Amino acid sequence: MEGNWPKGLREQLLQKKNELNARLERITANLRRGLESDSKERAKQLEDSDVVDALGNEARVELGRIAATLKKMDSGEFGICDDCGSAISRERLTAYPYAVECIDCATLDEKARRR
């Protein structure tokens, strides 16, 4: 284990970052393509571009999470709950490496949101 996080996690995050950046490049290229002159085909392309754009937005959000996680790793803050300062379990970090709360604080927050 590197620091208090699962072995190989940094490498997994960097690999995911590269994959997402490549996906965003493909999405951007797809969105820059010209539209067909046929109205039915153009409508289909516009619909498709909305879906592709949503996928790009999801990729950008995940890239932000990866960047924040890598920053926390570099600063020594990774694996520490933002709310209570306790260690986040290794199991939780393995399942969800972007976790910023321990399971107890995350559960409390979820219950509060449901109210």
PDB file of N, CA and C in Angstrom:
ATOM      1  N   MET A   1       0.845  -1.185   0.000  1.00  0.00           N
ATOM      2  CA  MET A   1       0.000   0.000   0.000  1.00  0.00           C
ATOM      3  C   MET A   1       0.887   1.243   0.000  1.00  0.00           C
ATOM      4  N   GLU A   2       0.633   2.175  -0.888  1.00  0.00           N
ATOM      5  CA  GLU A   2       1.353   3.426  -0.953  1.00  0.00           C
ATOM      6  C   GLU A   2       0.626   4.411  -0.053  1.00  0.00           C
ATOM      7  N   GLY A   3       1.330   5.013   0.882  1.00  0.00           N
ATOM      8  CA  GLY A   3       0.630   5.877   1.823  1.00  0.00           C
ATOM      9  C   GLY A   3      -0.408   5.018   2.526  1.00  0.00           C
ATOM     10  N   ASN A   4      -1.639   5.464   2.559  1.00  0.00           N
ATOM     11  CA  ASN A   4      -2.697   4.649   3.152  1.00  0.00           C
ATOM     12  C   ASN A   4      -3.713   4.235   2.101  1.00  0.00           C
ATOM     13  N   TRP A   5      -3.301   4.235   0.839  1.00  0.00           N
ATOM     14  CA  TRP A   5      -4.243   3.860  -0.211  1.00  0.00           C
ATOM     15  C   TRP A   5      -3.853   2.542  -0.857  1.00  0.00           C
ATOM     16  N   PRO A   6      -4.798   1.921  -1.539  1.00  0.00           N
ATOM     17  CA  PRO A   6      -4.554   0.622  -2.164  1.00  0.00           C
ATOM     18  C   PRO A   6      -3.422   0.674  -3.199  1.00  0.00           C
ATOM     19  N   LYS A   7      -2.646  -0.383  -3.229  1.00  0.00           N
ATOM     20  CA  LYS A   7      -1.512  -0.489  -4.144  1.00  0.00           C
ATOM     21  C   LYS A   7      -1.970  -0.327  -5.600  1.00  0.00           C
ATOM     22  N   GLY A   8      -1.208   0.448  -6.347  1.00  0.00           N
ATOM     23  CA  GLY A   8      -1.494   0.636  -7.761  1.00  0.00           C
ATOM     24  C   GLY A   8      -2.602   1.631  -8.059  1.00  0.00           C
ATOM     25  N   LEU A   9      -3.179   2.241  -7.036  1.00  0.00           N
ATOM     26  CA  LEU A   9      -4.312   3.149  -7.265  1.00  0.00           C
ATOM     27  C   LEU A   9      -3.908   4.366  -8.080  1.00  0.00           C
ATOM     28  N   ARG A  10      -2.755   4.948  -7.778  1.00  0.00           N
ATOM     29  CA  ARG A  10      -2.295   6.119  -8.539  1.00  0.00           C
ATOM     30  C   ARG A  10      -2.170   5.772 -10.021  1.00  0.00           C
ATOM     31  N   GLU A  11      -1.581   4.623 -10.312  1.00  0.00           N
ATOM     32  CA  GLU A  11      -1.410   4.204 -11.703  1.00  0.00           C
ATOM     33  C   GLU A  11      -2.767   3.987 -12.380  1.00  0.00           C
ATOM     34  N   GLN A  12      -3.722   3.407 -11.652  1.00  0.00           N
ATOM     35  CA  GLN A  12      -5.065   3.204 -12.197  1.00  0.00           C
ATOM     36  C   GLN A  12      -5.722   4.545 -12.518  1.00  0.00           C
ATOM     37  N   LEU A  13      -5.558   5.503 -11.624  1.00  0.00           N
ATOM     38  CA  LEU A  13      -6.143   6.824 -11.842  1.00  0.00           C
ATOM     39  C   LEU A  13      -5.500   7.523 -13.037  1.00  0.00           C
ATOM     40  N   LEU A  14      -4.183   7.408 -13.168  1.00  0.00           N
ATOM     41  CA  LEU A  14      -3.500   8.028 -14.303  1.00  0.00           C
ATOM     42  C   LEU A  14      -3.921   7.368 -15.613  1.00  0.00           C
ATOM     43  N   GLN A  15      -4.101   6.053 -15.600  1.00  0.00           N
ATOM     44  CA  GLN A  15      -4.556   5.349 -16.797  1.00  0.00           C
ATOM     45  C   GLN A  15      -5.974   5.799 -17.166  1.00  0.00           C
ATOM     46  N   LYS A  16      -6.851   5.891 -16.163  1.00  0.00           N
ATOM     47  CA  LYS A  16      -8.223   6.343 -16.403  1.00  0.00           C
ATOM     48  C   LYS A  16      -8.227   7.770 -16.938  1.00  0.00           C
ATOM     49  N   LYS A  17      -7.355   8.611 -16.406  1.00  0.00           N
ATOM     50  CA  LYS A  17      -7.237   9.995 -16.871  1.00  0.00           C
ATOM     51  C   LYS A  17      -6.865  10.020 -18.352  1.00  0.00           C
ATOM     52  N   ASN A  18      -5.901   9.205 -18.747  1.00  0.00           N
ATOM     53  CA  ASN A  18      -5.495   9.144 -20.154  1.00  0.00           C
ATOM     54  C   ASN A  18      -6.639   8.658 -21.043  1.00  0.00           C
ATOM     55  N   GLU A  19      -7.365   7.637 -20.583  1.00  0.00           N
ATOM     56  CA  GLU A  19      -8.501   7.113 -21.350  1.00  0.00           C
ATOM     57  C   GLU A  19      -9.581   8.177 -21.521  1.00  0.00           C
ATOM     58  N   LEU A  20      -9.876   8.909 -20.457  1.00  0.00           N
ATOM     59  CA  LEU A  20     -10.913   9.945 -20.524  1.00  0.00           C
ATOM     60  C   LEU A  20     -10.483  11.099 -21.426  1.00  0.00           C
ATOM     61  N   ASN A  21      -9.213  11.473 -21.370  1.00  0.00           N
ATOM     62  CA  ASN A  21      -8.731  12.533 -22.250  1.00  0.00           C
ATOM     63  C   ASN A  21      -8.837  12.111 -23.710  1.00  0.00           C
ATOM     64  N   ALA A  22      -8.505  10.850 -24.002  1.00  0.00           N
ATOM     65  CA  ALA A  22      -8.639  10.339 -25.375  1.00  0.00           C
ATOM     66  C   ALA A  22     -10.108  10.343 -25.801  1.00  0.00           C
ATOM     67  N   ARG A  23     -11.003   9.944 -24.894  1.00  0.00           N
ATOM     68  CA  ARG A  23     -12.432   9.957 -25.198  1.00  0.00           C
ATOM     69  C   ARG A  23     -12.912  11.380 -25.489  1.00  0.00           C
ATOM     70  N   LEU A  24     -12.460  12.336 -24.682  1.00  0.00           N
ATOM     71  CA  LEU A  24     -12.862  13.725 -24.908  1.00  0.00           C
ATOM     72  C   LEU A  24     -12.367  14.240 -26.253  1.00  0.00           C
ATOM     73  N   GLU A  25     -11.171  13.832 -26.648  1.00  0.00           N
ATOM     74  CA  GLU A  25     -10.661  14.236 -27.962  1.00  0.00           C
ATOM     75  C   GLU A  25     -11.547  13.690 -29.074  1.00  0.00           C
ATOM     76  N   ARG A  26     -11.967  12.421 -28.952  1.00  0.00           N
ATOM     77  CA  ARG A  26     -12.854  11.826 -29.958  1.00  0.00           C
ATOM     78  C   ARG A  26     -14.217  12.526 -29.972  1.00  0.00           C
ATOM     79  N   ILE A  27     -14.731  12.834 -28.788  1.00  0.00           N
ATOM     80  CA  ILE A  27     -16.024  13.517 -28.685  1.00  0.00           C
ATOM     81  C   ILE A  27     -15.936  14.896 -29.332  1.00  0.00           C
ATOM     82  N   THR A  28     -14.872  15.619 -29.032  1.00  0.00           N
ATOM     83  CA  THR A  28     -14.696  16.955 -29.602  1.00  0.00           C
ATOM     84  C   THR A  28     -14.619  16.879 -31.123  1.00  0.00           C
ATOM     85  N   ALA A  29     -13.863  15.922 -31.636  1.00  0.00           N
ATOM     86  CA  ALA A  29     -13.759  15.755 -33.094  1.00  0.00           C
ATOM     87  C   ALA A  29     -15.114  15.419 -33.687  1.00  0.00           C
ATOM     88  N   ASN A  30     -15.883  14.574 -33.007  1.00  0.00           N
ATOM     89  CA  ASN A  30     -17.212  14.190 -33.484  1.00  0.00           C
ATOM     90  C   ASN A  30     -18.154  15.397 -33.535  1.00  0.00           C
ATOM     91  N   LEU A  31     -18.087  16.228 -32.516  1.00  0.00           N
ATOM     92  CA  LEU A  31     -18.971  17.387 -32.453  1.00  0.00           C
ATOM     93  C   LEU A  31     -18.598  18.454 -33.486  1.00  0.00           C
ATOM     94  N   ARG A  32     -17.355  18.460 -33.929  1.00  0.00           N
ATOM     95  CA  ARG A  32     -16.900  19.461 -34.898  1.00  0.00           C
ATOM     96  C   ARG A  32     -17.229  19.076 -36.340  1.00  0.00           C
ATOM     97  N   ARG A  33     -17.637  17.834 -36.534  1.00  0.00           N
ATOM     98  CA  ARG A  33     -17.994  17.413 -37.889  1.00  0.00           C
ATOM     99  C   ARG A  33     -19.163  18.246 -38.388  1.00  0.00           C
ATOM    100  N   GLY A  34     -19.198  18.435 -39.677  1.00  0.00           N
ATOM    101  CA  GLY A  34     -20.290  19.191 -40.286  1.00  0.00           C
ATOM    102  C   GLY A  34     -21.581  18.393 -40.269  1.00  0.00           C
ATOM    103  N   LEU A  35     -22.699  19.087 -40.329  1.00  0.00           N
ATOM    104  CA  LEU A  35     -24.012  18.447 -40.360  1.00  0.00           C
ATOM    105  C   LEU A  35     -24.422  18.164 -41.803  1.00  0.00           C
ATOM    106  N   GLU A  36     -25.167  17.101 -41.965  1.00  0.00           N
ATOM    107  CA  GLU A  36     -25.692  16.728 -43.279  1.00  0.00           C
ATOM    108  C   GLU A  36     -26.736  17.745 -43.736  1.00  0.00           C
ATOM    109  N   SER A  37     -26.919  17.849 -45.040  1.00  0.00           N
ATOM    110  CA  SER A  37     -27.915  18.790 -45.555  1.00  0.00           C
ATOM    111  C   SER A  37     -29.329  18.218 -45.483  1.00  0.00           C
ATOM    112  N   ASP A  38     -29.456  16.889 -45.495  1.00  0.00           N
ATOM    113  CA  ASP A  38     -30.757  16.227 -45.388  1.00  0.00           C
ATOM    114  C   ASP A  38     -31.351  16.510 -44.007  1.00  0.00           C
ATOM    115  N   SER A  39     -32.584  17.002 -43.959  1.00  0.00           N
ATOM    116  CA  SER A  39     -33.181  17.423 -42.679  1.00  0.00           C
ATOM    117  C   SER A  39     -33.360  16.271 -41.699  1.00  0.00           C
ATOM    118  N   LYS A  40     -33.755  15.087 -42.175  1.00  0.00           N
ATOM    119  CA  LYS A  40     -33.907  13.940 -41.268  1.00  0.00           C
ATOM    120  C   LYS A  40     -32.559  13.528 -40.706  1.00  0.00           C
ATOM    121  N   GLU A  41     -31.568  13.481 -41.563  1.00  0.00           N
ATOM    122  CA  GLU A  41     -30.224  13.093 -41.116  1.00  0.00           C
ATOM    123  C   GLU A  41     -29.652  14.144 -40.164  1.00  0.00           C
ATOM    124  N   ARG A  42     -29.919  15.416 -40.452  1.00  0.00           N
ATOM    125  CA  ARG A  42     -29.448  16.499 -39.584  1.00  0.00           C
ATOM    126  C   ARG A  42     -30.093  16.394 -38.198  1.00  0.00           C
ATOM    127  N   ALA A  43     -31.374  16.094 -38.143  1.00  0.00           N
ATOM    128  CA  ALA A  43     -32.071  15.944 -36.855  1.00  0.00           C
ATOM    129  C   ALA A  43     -31.456  14.794 -36.061  1.00  0.00           C
ATOM    130  N   LYS A  44     -31.161  13.703 -36.733  1.00  0.00           N
ATOM    131  CA  LYS A  44     -30.532  12.552 -36.067  1.00  0.00           C
ATOM    132  C   LYS A  44     -29.145  12.932 -35.562  1.00  0.00           C
ATOM    133  N   GLN A  45     -28.382  13.664 -36.356  1.00  0.00           N
ATOM    134  CA  GLN A  45     -27.049  14.085 -35.939  1.00  0.00           C
ATOM    135  C   GLN A  45     -27.115  15.013 -34.731  1.00  0.00           C
ATOM    136  N   LEU A  46     -28.083  15.917 -34.720  1.00  0.00           N
ATOM    137  CA  LEU A  46     -28.225  16.824 -33.579  1.00  0.00           C
ATOM    138  C   LEU A  46     -28.591  16.055 -32.314  1.00  0.00           C
ATOM    139  N   GLU A  47     -29.458  15.084 -32.463  1.00  0.00           N
ATOM    140  CA  GLU A  47     -29.829  14.245 -31.327  1.00  0.00           C
ATOM    141  C   GLU A  47     -28.607  13.478 -30.824  1.00  0.00           C
ATOM    142  N   ASP A  48     -27.871  12.905 -31.752  1.00  0.00           N
ATOM    143  CA  ASP A  48     -26.653  12.170 -31.387  1.00  0.00           C
ATOM    144  C   ASP A  48     -25.630  13.080 -30.719  1.00  0.00           C
ATOM    145  N   SER A  49     -25.513  14.305 -31.205  1.00  0.00           N
ATOM    146  CA  SER A  49     -24.523  15.216 -30.631  1.00  0.00           C
ATOM    147  C   SER A  49     -24.897  15.593 -29.195  1.00  0.00           C
ATOM    148  N   ASP A  50     -26.194  15.632 -28.892  1.00  0.00           N
ATOM    149  CA  ASP A  50     -26.615  15.879 -27.504  1.00  0.00           C
ATOM    150  C   ASP A  50     -26.157  14.753 -26.593  1.00  0.00           C
ATOM    151  N   VAL A  51     -26.298  13.527 -27.062  1.00  0.00           N
ATOM    152  CA  VAL A  51     -25.862  12.365 -26.274  1.00  0.00           C
ATOM    153  C   VAL A  51     -24.349  12.393 -26.104  1.00  0.00           C
ATOM    154  N   VAL A  52     -23.645  12.660 -27.194  1.00  0.00           N
ATOM    155  CA  VAL A  52     -22.183  12.703 -27.156  1.00  0.00           C
ATOM    156  C   VAL A  52     -21.712  13.814 -26.222  1.00  0.00           C
ATOM    157  N   ASP A  53     -22.379  14.958 -26.268  1.00  0.00           N
ATOM    158  CA  ASP A  53     -22.021  16.068 -25.394  1.00  0.00           C
ATOM    159  C   ASP A  53     -22.227  15.697 -23.925  1.00  0.00           C
ATOM    160  N   ALA A  54     -23.305  14.991 -23.632  1.00  0.00           N
ATOM    161  CA  ALA A  54     -23.552  14.543 -22.245  1.00  0.00           C
ATOM    162  C   ALA A  54     -22.446  13.599 -21.794  1.00  0.00           C
ATOM    163  N   LEU A  55     -22.017  12.712 -22.679  1.00  0.00           N
ATOM    164  CA  LEU A  55     -20.912  11.811 -22.345  1.00  0.00           C
ATOM    165  C   LEU A  55     -19.630  12.595 -22.082  1.00  0.00           C
ATOM    166  N   GLY A  56     -19.416  13.641 -22.871  1.00  0.00           N
ATOM    167  CA  GLY A  56     -18.250  14.499 -22.658  1.00  0.00           C
ATOM    168  C   GLY A  56     -18.311  15.192 -21.312  1.00  0.00           C
ATOM    169  N   ASN A  57     -19.495  15.642 -20.930  1.00  0.00           N
ATOM    170  CA  ASN A  57     -19.649  16.285 -19.620  1.00  0.00           C
ATOM    171  C   ASN A  57     -19.348  15.309 -18.493  1.00  0.00           C
ATOM    172  N   GLU A  58     -19.814  14.072 -18.629  1.00  0.00           N
ATOM    173  CA  GLU A  58     -19.518  13.052 -17.618  1.00  0.00           C
ATOM    174  C   GLU A  58     -18.015  12.808 -17.528  1.00  0.00           C
ATOM    175  N   ALA A  59     -17.348  12.765 -18.667  1.00  0.00           N
ATOM    176  CA  ALA A  59     -15.892  12.554 -18.682  1.00  0.00           C
ATOM    177  C   ALA A  59     -15.178  13.711 -17.990  1.00  0.00           C
ATOM    178  N   ARG A  60     -15.638  14.945 -18.236  1.00  0.00           N
ATOM    179  CA  ARG A  60     -15.013  16.108 -17.599  1.00  0.00           C
ATOM    180  C   ARG A  60     -15.201  16.077 -16.081  1.00  0.00           C
ATOM    181  N   VAL A  61     -16.370  15.663 -15.623  1.00  0.00           N
ATOM    182  CA  VAL A  61     -16.617  15.560 -14.182  1.00  0.00           C
ATOM    183  C   VAL A  61     -15.673  14.521 -13.571  1.00  0.00           C
ATOM    184  N   GLU A  62     -15.555  13.368 -14.230  1.00  0.00           N
ATOM    185  CA  GLU A  62     -14.669  12.325 -13.693  1.00  0.00           C
ATOM    186  C   GLU A  62     -13.211  12.776 -13.728  1.00  0.00           C
ATOM    187  N   LEU A  63     -12.808  13.497 -14.767  1.00  0.00           N
ATOM    188  CA  LEU A  63     -11.441  14.025 -14.810  1.00  0.00           C
ATOM    189  C   LEU A  63     -11.188  14.979 -13.641  1.00  0.00           C
ATOM    190  N   GLY A  64     -12.184  15.756 -13.282  1.00  0.00           N
ATOM    191  CA  GLY A  64     -12.059  16.643 -12.124  1.00  0.00           C
ATOM    192  C   GLY A  64     -11.879  15.864 -10.832  1.00  0.00           C
ATOM    193  N   ARG A  65     -12.613  14.772 -10.704  1.00  0.00           N
ATOM    194  CA  ARG A  65     -12.479  13.929  -9.512  1.00  0.00           C
ATOM    195  C   ARG A  65     -11.096  13.292  -9.459  1.00  0.00           C
ATOM    196  N   ILE A  66     -10.614  12.844 -10.602  1.00  0.00           N
ATOM    197  CA  ILE A  66      -9.279  12.243 -10.655  1.00  0.00           C
ATOM    198  C   ILE A  66      -8.227  13.276 -10.270  1.00  0.00           C
ATOM    199  N   ALA A  67      -8.327  14.481 -10.815  1.00  0.00           N
ATOM    200  CA  ALA A  67      -7.364  15.536 -10.494  1.00  0.00           C
ATOM    201  C   ALA A  67      -7.365  15.851  -9.003  1.00  0.00           C
ATOM    202  N   ALA A  68      -8.555  15.947  -8.415  1.00  0.00           N
ATOM    203  CA  ALA A  68      -8.653  16.233  -6.976  1.00  0.00           C
ATOM    204  C   ALA A  68      -8.055  15.100  -6.153  1.00  0.00           C
ATOM    205  N   THR A  69      -8.290  13.863  -6.584  1.00  0.00           N
ATOM    206  CA  THR A  69      -7.762  12.708  -5.860  1.00  0.00           C
ATOM    207  C   THR A  69      -6.231  12.678  -5.942  1.00  0.00           C
ATOM    208  N   LEU A  70      -5.688  12.899  -7.127  1.00  0.00           N
ATOM    209  CA  LEU A  70      -4.228  12.911  -7.284  1.00  0.00           C
ATOM    210  C   LEU A  70      -3.605  14.042  -6.468  1.00  0.00           C
ATOM    211  N   LYS A  71      -4.268  15.184  -6.423  1.00  0.00           N
ATOM    212  CA  LYS A  71      -3.773  16.318  -5.633  1.00  0.00           C
ATOM    213  C   LYS A  71      -3.728  15.948  -4.149  1.00  0.00           C
ATOM    214  N   LYS A  72      -4.784  15.267  -3.677  1.00  0.00           N
ATOM    215  CA  LYS A  72      -4.811  14.839  -2.277  1.00  0.00           C
ATOM    216  C   LYS A  72      -3.705  13.816  -1.997  1.00  0.00           C
ATOM    217  N   MET A  73      -3.453  12.927  -2.957  1.00  0.00           N
ATOM    218  CA  MET A  73      -2.363  11.962  -2.795  1.00  0.00           C
ATOM    219  C   MET A  73      -1.032  12.693  -2.649  1.00  0.00           C
ATOM    220  N   ASP A  74      -0.813  13.691  -3.502  1.00  0.00           N
ATOM    221  CA  ASP A  74       0.444  14.435  -3.483  1.00  0.00           C
ATOM    222  C   ASP A  74       0.628  15.239  -2.204  1.00  0.00           C
ATOM    223  N   SER A  75      -0.473  15.734  -1.656  1.00  0.00           N
ATOM    224  CA  SER A  75      -0.385  16.574  -0.448  1.00  0.00           C
ATOM    225  C   SER A  75      -0.440  15.770   0.846  1.00  0.00           C
ATOM    226  N   GLY A  76      -0.683  14.452   0.734  1.00  0.00           N
ATOM    227  CA  GLY A  76      -0.770  13.619   1.931  1.00  0.00           C
ATOM    228  C   GLY A  76      -2.139  13.649   2.587  1.00  0.00           C
ATOM    229  N   GLU A  77      -3.127  14.229   1.929  1.00  0.00           N
ATOM    230  CA  GLU A  77      -4.473  14.324   2.492  1.00  0.00           C
ATOM    231  C   GLU A  77      -5.396  13.216   2.011  1.00  0.00           C
ATOM    232  N   PHE A  78      -4.931  12.394   1.078  1.00  0.00           N
ATOM    233  CA  PHE A  78      -5.780  11.341   0.535  1.00  0.00           C
ATOM    234  C   PHE A  78      -6.086  10.302   1.603  1.00  0.00           C
ATOM    235  N   GLY A  79      -7.327   9.861   1.642  1.00  0.00           N
ATOM    236  CA  GLY A  79      -7.728   8.828   2.589  1.00  0.00           C
ATOM    237  C   GLY A  79      -8.131   9.366   3.944  1.00  0.00           C
ATOM    238  N   ILE A  80      -8.233  10.683   4.048  1.00  0.00           N
ATOM    239  CA  ILE A  80      -8.638  11.321   5.298  1.00  0.00           C
ATOM    240  C   ILE A  80      -9.995  11.987   5.057  1.00  0.00           C
ATOM    241  N   CYS A  81     -10.948  11.701   5.908  1.00  0.00           N
ATOM    242  CA  CYS A  81     -12.304  12.231   5.774  1.00  0.00           C
ATOM    243  C   CYS A  81     -12.298  13.759   5.894  1.00  0.00           C
ATOM    244  N   ASP A  82     -12.911  14.422   4.922  1.00  0.00           N
ATOM    245  CA  ASP A  82     -13.016  15.880   4.941  1.00  0.00           C
ATOM    246  C   ASP A  82     -13.859  16.388   6.105  1.00  0.00           C
ATOM    247  N   ASP A  83     -14.804  15.556   6.577  1.00  0.00           N
ATOM    248  CA  ASP A  83     -15.709  16.000   7.638  1.00  0.00           C
ATOM    249  C   ASP A  83     -15.151  15.789   9.040  1.00  0.00           C
ATOM    250  N   CYS A  84     -14.734  14.557   9.326  1.00  0.00           N
ATOM    251  CA  CYS A  84     -14.342  14.250  10.713  1.00  0.00           C
ATOM    252  C   CYS A  84     -12.842  14.057  10.906  1.00  0.00           C
ATOM    253  N   GLY A  85     -12.084  13.955   9.819  1.00  0.00           N
ATOM    254  CA  GLY A  85     -10.639  13.794   9.929  1.00  0.00           C
ATOM    255  C   GLY A  85     -10.178  12.367  10.174  1.00  0.00           C
ATOM    256  N   SER A  86     -11.103  11.418  10.214  1.00  0.00           N
ATOM    257  CA  SER A  86     -10.747  10.011  10.405  1.00  0.00           C
ATOM    258  C   SER A  86     -10.242   9.426   9.087  1.00  0.00           C
ATOM    259  N   ALA A  87      -9.578   8.289   9.210  1.00  0.00           N
ATOM    260  CA  ALA A  87      -9.117   7.591   8.014  1.00  0.00           C
ATOM    261  C   ALA A  87     -10.312   6.981   7.285  1.00  0.00           C
ATOM    262  N   ILE A  88     -10.283   7.072   5.960  1.00  0.00           N
ATOM    263  CA  ILE A  88     -11.282   6.407   5.122  1.00  0.00           C
ATOM    264  C   ILE A  88     -10.774   4.994   4.905  1.00  0.00           C
ATOM    265  N   SER A  89     -11.641   4.022   5.077  1.00  0.00           N
ATOM    266  CA  SER A  89     -11.192   2.629   4.990  1.00  0.00           C
ATOM    267  C   SER A  89     -10.622   2.303   3.618  1.00  0.00           C
ATOM    268  N   ARG A  90      -9.667   1.411   3.626  1.00  0.00           N
ATOM    269  CA  ARG A  90      -9.040   0.955   2.394  1.00  0.00           C
ATOM    270  C   ARG A  90     -10.082   0.333   1.459  1.00  0.00           C
ATOM    271  N   GLU A  91     -11.030  -0.393   2.031  1.00  0.00           N
ATOM    272  CA  GLU A  91     -12.076  -1.019   1.231  1.00  0.00           C
ATOM    273  C   GLU A  91     -12.904   0.033   0.493  1.00  0.00           C
ATOM    274  N   ARG A  92     -13.228   1.111   1.186  1.00  0.00           N
ATOM    275  CA  ARG A  92     -14.011   2.187   0.569  1.00  0.00           C
ATOM    276  C   ARG A  92     -13.215   2.860  -0.547  1.00  0.00           C
ATOM    277  N   LEU A  93     -11.931   3.096  -0.290  1.00  0.00           N
ATOM    278  CA  LEU A  93     -11.096   3.730  -1.306  1.00  0.00           C
ATOM    279  C   LEU A  93     -10.894   2.820  -2.510  1.00  0.00           C
ATOM    280  N   THR A  94     -10.856   1.527  -2.283  1.00  0.00           N
ATOM    281  CA  THR A  94     -10.726   0.581  -3.389  1.00  0.00           C
ATOM    282  C   THR A  94     -11.988   0.613  -4.239  1.00  0.00           C
ATOM    283  N   ALA A  95     -13.137   0.661  -3.593  1.00  0.00           N
ATOM    284  CA  ALA A  95     -14.416   0.676  -4.310  1.00  0.00           C
ATOM    285  C   ALA A  95     -14.703   2.033  -4.941  1.00  0.00           C
ATOM    286  N   TYR A  96     -14.328   3.085  -4.261  1.00  0.00           N
ATOM    287  CA  TYR A  96     -14.623   4.440  -4.730  1.00  0.00           C
ATOM    288  C   TYR A  96     -13.440   5.348  -4.389  1.00  0.00           C
ATOM    289  N   PRO A  97     -12.436   5.386  -5.268  1.00  0.00           N
ATOM    290  CA  PRO A  97     -11.212   6.128  -4.952  1.00  0.00           C
ATOM    291  C   PRO A  97     -11.409   7.637  -4.812  1.00  0.00           C
ATOM    292  N   TYR A  98     -12.555   8.159  -5.247  1.00  0.00           N
ATOM    293  CA  TYR A  98     -12.808   9.597  -5.141  1.00  0.00           C
ATOM    294  C   TYR A  98     -13.446   9.968  -3.804  1.00  0.00           C
ATOM    295  N   ALA A  99     -13.618   9.004  -2.921  1.00  0.00           N
ATOM    296  CA  ALA A  99     -14.283   9.260  -1.645  1.00  0.00           C
ATOM    297  C   ALA A  99     -13.534  10.337  -0.856  1.00  0.00           C
ATOM    298  N   VAL A 100     -14.290  11.292  -0.349  1.00  0.00           N
ATOM    299  CA  VAL A 100     -13.713  12.347   0.495  1.00  0.00           C
ATOM    300  C   VAL A 100     -14.256  12.266   1.916  1.00  0.00           C
ATOM    301  N   GLU A 101     -15.158  11.302   2.142  1.00  0.00           N
ATOM    302  CA  GLU A 101     -15.739  11.104   3.468  1.00  0.00           C
ATOM    303  C   GLU A 101     -15.608   9.634   3.861  1.00  0.00           C
ATOM    304  N   CYS A 102     -15.469   9.398   5.149  1.00  0.00           N
ATOM    305  CA  CYS A 102     -15.523   8.023   5.643  1.00  0.00           C
ATOM    306  C   CYS A 102     -16.960   7.524   5.478  1.00  0.00           C
ATOM    307  N   ILE A 103     -17.166   6.260   5.610  1.00  0.00           N
ATOM    308  CA  ILE A 103     -18.507   5.695   5.383  1.00  0.00           C
ATOM    309  C   ILE A 103     -19.527   6.254   6.384  1.00  0.00           C
ATOM    310  N   ASP A 104     -19.098   6.499   7.622  1.00  0.00           N
ATOM    311  CA  ASP A 104     -20.027   7.036   8.622  1.00  0.00           C
ATOM    312  C   ASP A 104     -20.516   8.433   8.238  1.00  0.00           C
ATOM    313  N   CYS A 105     -19.588   9.310   7.852  1.00  0.00           N
ATOM    314  CA  CYS A 105     -19.978  10.673   7.465  1.00  0.00           C
ATOM    315  C   CYS A 105     -20.783  10.667   6.168  1.00  0.00           C
ATOM    316  N   ALA A 106     -20.413   9.812   5.227  1.00  0.00           N
ATOM    317  CA  ALA A 106     -21.162   9.715   3.969  1.00  0.00           C
ATOM    318  C   ALA A 106     -22.583   9.239   4.228  1.00  0.00           C
ATOM    319  N   THR A 107     -22.742   8.295   5.142  1.00  0.00           N
ATOM    320  CA  THR A 107     -24.074   7.790   5.487  1.00  0.00           C
ATOM    321  C   THR A 107     -24.910   8.892   6.138  1.00  0.00           C
ATOM    322  N   LEU A 108     -24.298   9.647   7.042  1.00  0.00           N
ATOM    323  CA  LEU A 108     -25.015  10.763   7.681  1.00  0.00           C
ATOM    324  C   LEU A 108     -25.440  11.805   6.654  1.00  0.00           C
ATOM    325  N   ASP A 109     -24.549  12.129   5.734  1.00  0.00           N
ATOM    326  CA  ASP A 109     -24.884  13.095   4.689  1.00  0.00           C
ATOM    327  C   ASP A 109     -26.014  12.604   3.807  1.00  0.00           C
ATOM    328  N   GLU A 110     -25.984  11.333   3.463  1.00  0.00           N
ATOM    329  CA  GLU A 110     -27.042  10.760   2.628  1.00  0.00           C
ATOM    330  C   GLU A 110     -28.381  10.814   3.337  1.00  0.00           C
ATOM    331  N   LYS A 111     -28.390  10.486   4.629  1.00  0.00           N
ATOM    332  CA  LYS A 111     -29.640  10.547   5.397  1.00  0.00           C
ATOM    333  C   LYS A 111     -30.164  11.975   5.468  1.00  0.00           C
ATOM    334  N   ALA A 112     -29.264  12.944   5.641  1.00  0.00           N
ATOM    335  CA  ALA A 112     -29.663  14.346   5.711  1.00  0.00           C
ATOM    336  C   ALA A 112     -30.239  14.816   4.375  1.00  0.00           C
ATOM    337  N   ARG A 113     -29.667  14.356   3.260  1.00  0.00           N
ATOM    338  CA  ARG A 113     -30.180  14.739   1.937  1.00  0.00           C
ATOM    339  C   ARG A 113     -31.559  14.182   1.683  1.00  0.00           C
ATOM    340  N   ARG A 114     -31.851  13.022   2.230  1.00  0.00           N
ATOM    341  CA  ARG A 114     -33.148  12.375   2.015  1.00  0.00           C
ATOM    342  C   ARG A 114     -34.271  13.062   2.784  1.00  0.00           C
ATOM    343  N   ARG A 115     -33.921  13.811   3.786  1.00  0.00           N
ATOM    344  CA  ARG A 115     -34.953  14.483   4.602  1.00  0.00           C
ATOM    345  C   ARG A 115     -35.506  15.672   3.924  1.00  0.00           C
TER     346      ARG A 115
END
